[in-house]
Amino acid sequence: MSAKSKVLIYGCDPVLLETRRWVLEAMRFEVSEATRLEEVERMIAEGQVDVLVLCHSLSAEERRAALRAARNRIPSVKRLLLSAGTEGAEFQGEAEILSIFKGPAALVASVQRATGREGMQAQVGSQAGA
């Protein structure tokens, strides 16, 4: 693949953002983090996003605003919403919903699917040193 797919992870918990970034970077994605909606809007406006990942640490309003920004600026951007329970159900149809309890391999698989890289190996640990 000539260019890395660009993933933006938006959430409130810096430790979770860093961990998710590391997992996706290990699979050769170009990953940015955002903790404020303004950062998300700027990166989307600059065309720096292929996949928008919304963490479960965001409020429903923060999720709605980010989804709206993505839909209005880049309708083709893939949207993935991480859920810790049933709170993601209201966003069905707006984004792919993924339970955080499925683990990092499921996150990688979902991002690979969103970017057309489904056939790539989803073993997170084995790719870190490659």
N, C-alpha and C. Protein backbone atom coordinates (compact mmCIF):
# COMPACT_ATOMS: atom_id res chain seq x y z
N MET A 1 0.85 -1.17 0.00
CA MET A 1 0.00 0.00 0.00
C MET A 1 0.89 1.23 0.00
N SER A 2 0.66 2.16 -0.88
CA SER A 2 1.53 3.32 -1.03
C SER A 2 1.31 4.37 0.05
N ALA A 3 0.11 4.58 0.49
CA ALA A 3 -0.17 5.58 1.51
C ALA A 3 -0.89 4.93 2.68
N LYS A 4 -0.52 5.35 3.87
CA LYS A 4 -1.18 4.82 5.05
C LYS A 4 -2.57 5.44 5.17
N SER A 5 -3.51 4.62 5.63
CA SER A 5 -4.85 5.14 5.92
C SER A 5 -4.77 5.99 7.18
N LYS A 6 -5.49 7.11 7.16
CA LYS A 6 -5.44 8.06 8.27
C LYS A 6 -6.63 7.83 9.20
N VAL A 7 -6.31 7.57 10.46
CA VAL A 7 -7.31 7.31 11.48
C VAL A 7 -7.24 8.41 12.52
N LEU A 8 -8.39 8.96 12.88
CA LEU A 8 -8.48 9.95 13.94
C LEU A 8 -9.27 9.33 15.08
N ILE A 9 -8.66 9.29 16.25
CA ILE A 9 -9.33 8.77 17.45
C ILE A 9 -9.68 9.96 18.33
N TYR A 10 -10.97 10.08 18.66
CA TYR A 10 -11.46 11.20 19.47
C TYR A 10 -12.03 10.64 20.77
N GLY A 11 -11.49 11.14 21.89
CA GLY A 11 -11.97 10.70 23.20
C GLY A 11 -11.48 11.61 24.30
N CYS A 12 -11.84 11.27 25.51
CA CYS A 12 -11.51 12.11 26.68
C CYS A 12 -10.38 11.55 27.53
N ASP A 13 -10.10 10.27 27.40
CA ASP A 13 -9.11 9.62 28.26
C ASP A 13 -7.78 9.49 27.52
N PRO A 14 -6.76 10.27 27.91
CA PRO A 14 -5.48 10.26 27.21
C PRO A 14 -4.80 8.88 27.20
N VAL A 15 -4.97 8.10 28.25
CA VAL A 15 -4.35 6.78 28.30
C VAL A 15 -5.00 5.85 27.27
N LEU A 16 -6.32 5.86 27.19
CA LEU A 16 -7.01 5.04 26.19
C LEU A 16 -6.67 5.49 24.77
N LEU A 17 -6.60 6.79 24.57
CA LEU A 17 -6.24 7.30 23.24
C LEU A 17 -4.85 6.82 22.84
N GLU A 18 -3.91 6.92 23.76
CA GLU A 18 -2.54 6.49 23.46
C GLU A 18 -2.48 4.99 23.18
N THR A 19 -3.19 4.20 23.97
CA THR A 19 -3.19 2.74 23.77
C THR A 19 -3.79 2.37 22.43
N ARG A 20 -4.92 2.97 22.10
CA ARG A 20 -5.57 2.68 20.81
C ARG A 20 -4.70 3.16 19.65
N ARG A 21 -4.06 4.29 19.82
CA ARG A 21 -3.15 4.79 18.78
C ARG A 21 -2.02 3.79 18.56
N TRP A 22 -1.41 3.31 19.64
CA TRP A 22 -0.32 2.36 19.53
C TRP A 22 -0.76 1.09 18.81
N VAL A 23 -1.92 0.57 19.17
CA VAL A 23 -2.43 -0.66 18.55
C VAL A 23 -2.59 -0.47 17.05
N LEU A 24 -3.18 0.65 16.64
CA LEU A 24 -3.41 0.89 15.20
C LEU A 24 -2.11 1.22 14.47
N GLU A 25 -1.22 1.95 15.10
CA GLU A 25 0.08 2.23 14.46
C GLU A 25 0.88 0.95 14.27
N ALA A 26 0.74 0.01 15.19
CA ALA A 26 1.43 -1.28 15.04
C ALA A 26 0.96 -2.01 13.79
N MET A 27 -0.25 -1.71 13.35
CA MET A 27 -0.80 -2.31 12.13
C MET A 27 -0.62 -1.39 10.93
N ARG A 28 0.26 -0.40 11.08
CA ARG A 28 0.66 0.49 9.99
C ARG A 28 -0.41 1.48 9.54
N PHE A 29 -1.22 1.92 10.47
CA PHE A 29 -2.14 3.02 10.18
C PHE A 29 -1.49 4.31 10.66
N GLU A 30 -1.80 5.40 10.00
CA GLU A 30 -1.35 6.72 10.45
C GLU A 30 -2.45 7.23 11.38
N VAL A 31 -2.10 7.46 12.65
CA VAL A 31 -3.11 7.74 13.67
C VAL A 31 -2.87 9.10 14.32
N SER A 32 -3.96 9.86 14.46
CA SER A 32 -3.95 11.11 15.21
C SER A 32 -4.94 10.98 16.35
N GLU A 33 -4.72 11.76 17.40
CA GLU A 33 -5.61 11.77 18.55
C GLU A 33 -6.20 13.16 18.71
N ALA A 34 -7.41 13.21 19.24
CA ALA A 34 -8.05 14.49 19.56
C ALA A 34 -8.81 14.35 20.86
N THR A 35 -8.73 15.39 21.68
CA THR A 35 -9.49 15.41 22.94
C THR A 35 -10.54 16.52 22.95
N ARG A 36 -10.56 17.31 21.88
CA ARG A 36 -11.54 18.40 21.78
C ARG A 36 -12.17 18.39 20.40
N LEU A 37 -13.44 18.76 20.34
CA LEU A 37 -14.18 18.78 19.08
C LEU A 37 -13.52 19.70 18.06
N GLU A 38 -12.94 20.81 18.51
CA GLU A 38 -12.28 21.75 17.59
C GLU A 38 -11.15 21.07 16.84
N GLU A 39 -10.42 20.20 17.52
CA GLU A 39 -9.33 19.46 16.88
C GLU A 39 -9.88 18.53 15.80
N VAL A 40 -10.98 17.86 16.13
CA VAL A 40 -11.62 16.94 15.19
C VAL A 40 -12.08 17.71 13.96
N GLU A 41 -12.76 18.82 14.17
CA GLU A 41 -13.27 19.62 13.05
C GLU A 41 -12.13 20.12 12.17
N ARG A 42 -11.02 20.55 12.78
CA ARG A 42 -9.88 21.04 12.01
C ARG A 42 -9.28 19.92 11.15
N MET A 43 -9.06 18.77 11.75
CA MET A 43 -8.45 17.65 11.01
C MET A 43 -9.36 17.17 9.89
N ILE A 44 -10.65 17.16 10.13
CA ILE A 44 -11.60 16.76 9.08
C ILE A 44 -11.57 17.79 7.97
N ALA A 45 -11.59 19.07 8.34
CA ALA A 45 -11.58 20.14 7.33
C ALA A 45 -10.32 20.09 6.48
N GLU A 46 -9.20 19.68 7.07
CA GLU A 46 -7.94 19.58 6.34
C GLU A 46 -7.82 18.28 5.55
N GLY A 47 -8.85 17.44 5.62
CA GLY A 47 -8.83 16.18 4.87
C GLY A 47 -7.88 15.15 5.43
N GLN A 48 -7.63 15.22 6.72
CA GLN A 48 -6.66 14.33 7.36
C GLN A 48 -7.29 13.07 7.94
N VAL A 49 -8.50 12.70 7.50
CA VAL A 49 -9.20 11.59 8.14
C VAL A 49 -9.83 10.67 7.11
N ASP A 50 -9.49 9.38 7.20
CA ASP A 50 -10.18 8.34 6.44
C ASP A 50 -11.19 7.61 7.32
N VAL A 51 -10.81 7.43 8.60
CA VAL A 51 -11.66 6.75 9.58
C VAL A 51 -11.67 7.58 10.85
N LEU A 52 -12.88 7.85 11.36
CA LEU A 52 -13.06 8.56 12.62
C LEU A 52 -13.52 7.55 13.66
N VAL A 53 -12.72 7.40 14.72
CA VAL A 53 -13.05 6.50 15.82
C VAL A 53 -13.49 7.35 17.01
N LEU A 54 -14.70 7.12 17.48
CA LEU A 54 -15.24 7.86 18.62
C LEU A 54 -15.22 6.95 19.84
N CYS A 55 -14.48 7.36 20.85
CA CYS A 55 -14.32 6.54 22.05
C CYS A 55 -15.56 6.58 22.94
N HIS A 56 -15.69 5.56 23.75
CA HIS A 56 -16.83 5.45 24.66
C HIS A 56 -16.79 6.49 25.77
N SER A 57 -15.66 7.15 25.96
CA SER A 57 -15.52 8.17 27.01
C SER A 57 -16.21 9.49 26.65
N LEU A 58 -16.66 9.63 25.41
CA LEU A 58 -17.35 10.86 24.99
C LEU A 58 -18.81 10.83 25.41
N SER A 59 -19.36 12.02 25.62
CA SER A 59 -20.79 12.11 25.89
C SER A 59 -21.56 11.91 24.58
N ALA A 60 -22.85 11.65 24.70
CA ALA A 60 -23.68 11.48 23.51
C ALA A 60 -23.65 12.74 22.65
N GLU A 61 -23.65 13.91 23.28
CA GLU A 61 -23.62 15.17 22.52
C GLU A 61 -22.29 15.35 21.79
N GLU A 62 -21.18 14.99 22.43
CA GLU A 62 -19.87 15.08 21.78
C GLU A 62 -19.82 14.13 20.58
N ARG A 63 -20.39 12.96 20.72
CA ARG A 63 -20.43 12.00 19.61
C ARG A 63 -21.27 12.55 18.47
N ARG A 64 -22.45 13.08 18.79
CA ARG A 64 -23.33 13.65 17.76
C ARG A 64 -22.62 14.77 16.99
N ALA A 65 -21.95 15.66 17.72
CA ALA A 65 -21.27 16.79 17.09
C ALA A 65 -20.15 16.30 16.17
N ALA A 66 -19.39 15.32 16.61
CA ALA A 66 -18.29 14.79 15.78
C ALA A 66 -18.84 14.08 14.55
N LEU A 67 -19.90 13.31 14.71
CA LEU A 67 -20.51 12.63 13.56
C LEU A 67 -21.06 13.64 12.56
N ARG A 68 -21.68 14.69 13.07
CA ARG A 68 -22.22 15.74 12.20
C ARG A 68 -21.09 16.44 11.43
N ALA A 69 -20.00 16.75 12.12
CA ALA A 69 -18.86 17.40 11.46
C ALA A 69 -18.30 16.51 10.37
N ALA A 70 -18.15 15.23 10.66
CA ALA A 70 -17.61 14.30 9.67
C ALA A 70 -18.56 14.17 8.48
N ARG A 71 -19.83 14.01 8.73
CA ARG A 71 -20.82 13.84 7.67
C ARG A 71 -20.92 15.08 6.79
N ASN A 72 -20.84 16.26 7.39
CA ASN A 72 -20.96 17.51 6.63
C ASN A 72 -19.72 17.83 5.80
N ARG A 73 -18.55 17.54 6.33
CA ARG A 73 -17.30 17.89 5.65
C ARG A 73 -16.83 16.83 4.67
N ILE A 74 -16.85 15.57 5.10
CA ILE A 74 -16.37 14.46 4.27
C ILE A 74 -17.38 13.32 4.41
N PRO A 75 -18.43 13.34 3.60
CA PRO A 75 -19.46 12.30 3.73
C PRO A 75 -18.92 10.87 3.61
N SER A 76 -17.81 10.70 2.92
CA SER A 76 -17.27 9.36 2.71
C SER A 76 -16.43 8.85 3.89
N VAL A 77 -16.14 9.71 4.88
CA VAL A 77 -15.32 9.26 6.01
C VAL A 77 -16.04 8.12 6.73
N LYS A 78 -15.29 7.08 7.03
CA LYS A 78 -15.85 5.95 7.77
C LYS A 78 -15.90 6.32 9.24
N ARG A 79 -16.97 5.88 9.91
CA ARG A 79 -17.17 6.25 11.30
C ARG A 79 -17.33 4.98 12.15
N LEU A 80 -16.56 4.92 13.23
CA LEU A 80 -16.58 3.78 14.14
C LEU A 80 -16.80 4.31 15.55
N LEU A 81 -17.83 3.81 16.21
CA LEU A 81 -18.18 4.25 17.55
C LEU A 81 -17.91 3.11 18.53
N LEU A 82 -17.04 3.37 19.50
CA LEU A 82 -16.73 2.37 20.52
C LEU A 82 -17.74 2.50 21.66
N SER A 83 -18.29 1.38 22.07
CA SER A 83 -19.37 1.38 23.05
C SER A 83 -19.02 0.50 24.24
N ALA A 84 -19.37 0.96 25.44
CA ALA A 84 -19.14 0.18 26.65
C ALA A 84 -20.42 -0.50 27.12
N GLY A 85 -21.47 -0.39 26.36
CA GLY A 85 -22.75 -0.99 26.74
C GLY A 85 -23.77 -0.76 25.66
N THR A 86 -24.92 -0.28 26.06
CA THR A 86 -26.00 -0.06 25.09
C THR A 86 -26.08 1.38 24.62
N GLU A 87 -25.22 2.27 25.15
CA GLU A 87 -25.32 3.68 24.79
C GLU A 87 -25.08 3.96 23.31
N GLY A 88 -24.45 3.05 22.61
CA GLY A 88 -24.18 3.25 21.19
C GLY A 88 -25.37 2.98 20.30
N ALA A 89 -26.41 2.35 20.83
CA ALA A 89 -27.55 1.95 20.01
C ALA A 89 -28.21 3.14 19.31
N GLU A 90 -28.23 4.29 19.94
CA GLU A 90 -28.87 5.46 19.33
C GLU A 90 -28.14 5.95 18.08
N PHE A 91 -26.92 5.47 17.86
CA PHE A 91 -26.13 5.89 16.70
C PHE A 91 -26.12 4.85 15.58
N GLN A 92 -26.95 3.83 15.73
CA GLN A 92 -27.05 2.80 14.70
C GLN A 92 -27.38 3.46 13.36
N GLY A 93 -26.64 3.12 12.33
CA GLY A 93 -26.84 3.73 11.02
C GLY A 93 -25.96 4.94 10.79
N GLU A 94 -25.50 5.57 11.86
CA GLU A 94 -24.60 6.73 11.76
C GLU A 94 -23.14 6.29 11.75
N ALA A 95 -22.88 5.15 12.39
CA ALA A 95 -21.51 4.65 12.53
C ALA A 95 -21.56 3.16 12.80
N GLU A 96 -20.45 2.48 12.51
CA GLU A 96 -20.34 1.09 12.94
C GLU A 96 -20.15 1.11 14.45
N ILE A 97 -20.88 0.27 15.16
CA ILE A 97 -20.80 0.21 16.61
C ILE A 97 -19.93 -0.99 16.99
N LEU A 98 -18.96 -0.76 17.87
CA LEU A 98 -18.06 -1.83 18.29
C LEU A 98 -17.94 -1.81 19.81
N SER A 99 -18.20 -2.93 20.46
CA SER A 99 -18.06 -3.04 21.91
C SER A 99 -16.58 -3.00 22.27
N ILE A 100 -16.24 -2.21 23.27
CA ILE A 100 -14.86 -2.14 23.74
C ILE A 100 -14.42 -3.47 24.34
N PHE A 101 -15.38 -4.29 24.75
CA PHE A 101 -15.07 -5.56 25.39
C PHE A 101 -14.62 -6.63 24.40
N LYS A 102 -14.69 -6.32 23.12
CA LYS A 102 -14.21 -7.27 22.11
C LYS A 102 -12.70 -7.21 21.95
N GLY A 103 -12.07 -6.18 22.49
CA GLY A 103 -10.62 -6.09 22.52
C GLY A 103 -9.98 -5.44 21.32
N PRO A 104 -8.64 -5.32 21.38
CA PRO A 104 -7.90 -4.61 20.34
C PRO A 104 -7.96 -5.27 18.97
N ALA A 105 -8.02 -6.59 18.92
CA ALA A 105 -8.08 -7.26 17.61
C ALA A 105 -9.36 -6.88 16.86
N ALA A 106 -10.46 -6.71 17.59
CA ALA A 106 -11.71 -6.30 16.96
C ALA A 106 -11.63 -4.86 16.46
N LEU A 107 -10.94 -4.00 17.21
CA LEU A 107 -10.74 -2.62 16.76
C LEU A 107 -9.93 -2.61 15.46
N VAL A 108 -8.85 -3.35 15.44
CA VAL A 108 -8.01 -3.43 14.24
C VAL A 108 -8.83 -3.96 13.06
N ALA A 109 -9.58 -5.03 13.28
CA ALA A 109 -10.38 -5.62 12.20
C ALA A 109 -11.40 -4.63 11.67
N SER A 110 -12.04 -3.87 12.55
CA SER A 110 -13.03 -2.89 12.11
C SER A 110 -12.40 -1.77 11.29
N VAL A 111 -11.23 -1.30 11.72
CA VAL A 111 -10.54 -0.24 10.97
C VAL A 111 -10.04 -0.80 9.63
N GLN A 112 -9.56 -2.02 9.63
CA GLN A 112 -9.13 -2.64 8.37
C GLN A 112 -10.30 -2.76 7.40
N ARG A 113 -11.44 -3.18 7.89
CA ARG A 113 -12.64 -3.29 7.05
C ARG A 113 -13.01 -1.92 6.48
N ALA A 114 -12.96 -0.91 7.33
CA ALA A 114 -13.34 0.44 6.91
C ALA A 114 -12.41 1.00 5.84
N THR A 115 -11.16 0.55 5.85
CA THR A 115 -10.18 1.07 4.89
C THR A 115 -9.90 0.11 3.74
N GLY A 116 -10.62 -0.99 3.69
CA GLY A 116 -10.42 -1.95 2.61
C GLY A 116 -9.18 -2.80 2.79
N ARG A 117 -8.69 -2.90 4.01
CA ARG A 117 -7.48 -3.69 4.29
C ARG A 117 -7.83 -4.97 5.04
N GLU A 118 -9.00 -5.52 4.79
CA GLU A 118 -9.49 -6.68 5.53
C GLU A 118 -8.57 -7.88 5.52
N GLY A 119 -7.88 -8.10 4.44
CA GLY A 119 -7.05 -9.29 4.31
C GLY A 119 -5.78 -9.27 5.12
N MET A 120 -5.45 -8.14 5.73
CA MET A 120 -4.19 -8.04 6.47
C MET A 120 -4.30 -8.74 7.81
N GLN A 121 -3.19 -9.25 8.28
CA GLN A 121 -3.13 -9.96 9.54
C GLN A 121 -3.55 -9.05 10.69
N ALA A 122 -4.43 -9.54 11.57
CA ALA A 122 -4.93 -8.72 12.68
C ALA A 122 -4.34 -9.13 14.00
N GLN A 123 -3.12 -9.70 14.01
CA GLN A 123 -2.47 -10.03 15.26
C GLN A 123 -1.62 -8.84 15.67
N VAL A 124 -2.14 -8.08 16.58
CA VAL A 124 -1.55 -6.81 16.96
C VAL A 124 -0.12 -6.97 17.44
N GLY A 125 0.16 -7.87 18.34
CA GLY A 125 1.49 -8.00 18.91
C GLY A 125 2.55 -8.37 17.91
N SER A 126 2.23 -9.20 16.92
CA SER A 126 3.25 -9.68 15.98
C SER A 126 3.68 -8.62 14.98
N GLN A 127 2.94 -7.53 14.83
CA GLN A 127 3.28 -6.51 13.86
C GLN A 127 4.06 -5.35 14.45
N ALA A 128 4.18 -5.29 15.77
CA ALA A 128 4.79 -4.12 16.40
C ALA A 128 6.24 -3.93 16.00
N GLY A 129 6.98 -5.00 15.81
CA GLY A 129 8.39 -4.85 15.48
C GLY A 129 8.68 -4.82 14.00
N ALA A 130 7.66 -5.02 13.17
CA ALA A 130 7.88 -5.10 11.71
C ALA A 130 8.20 -3.76 11.10
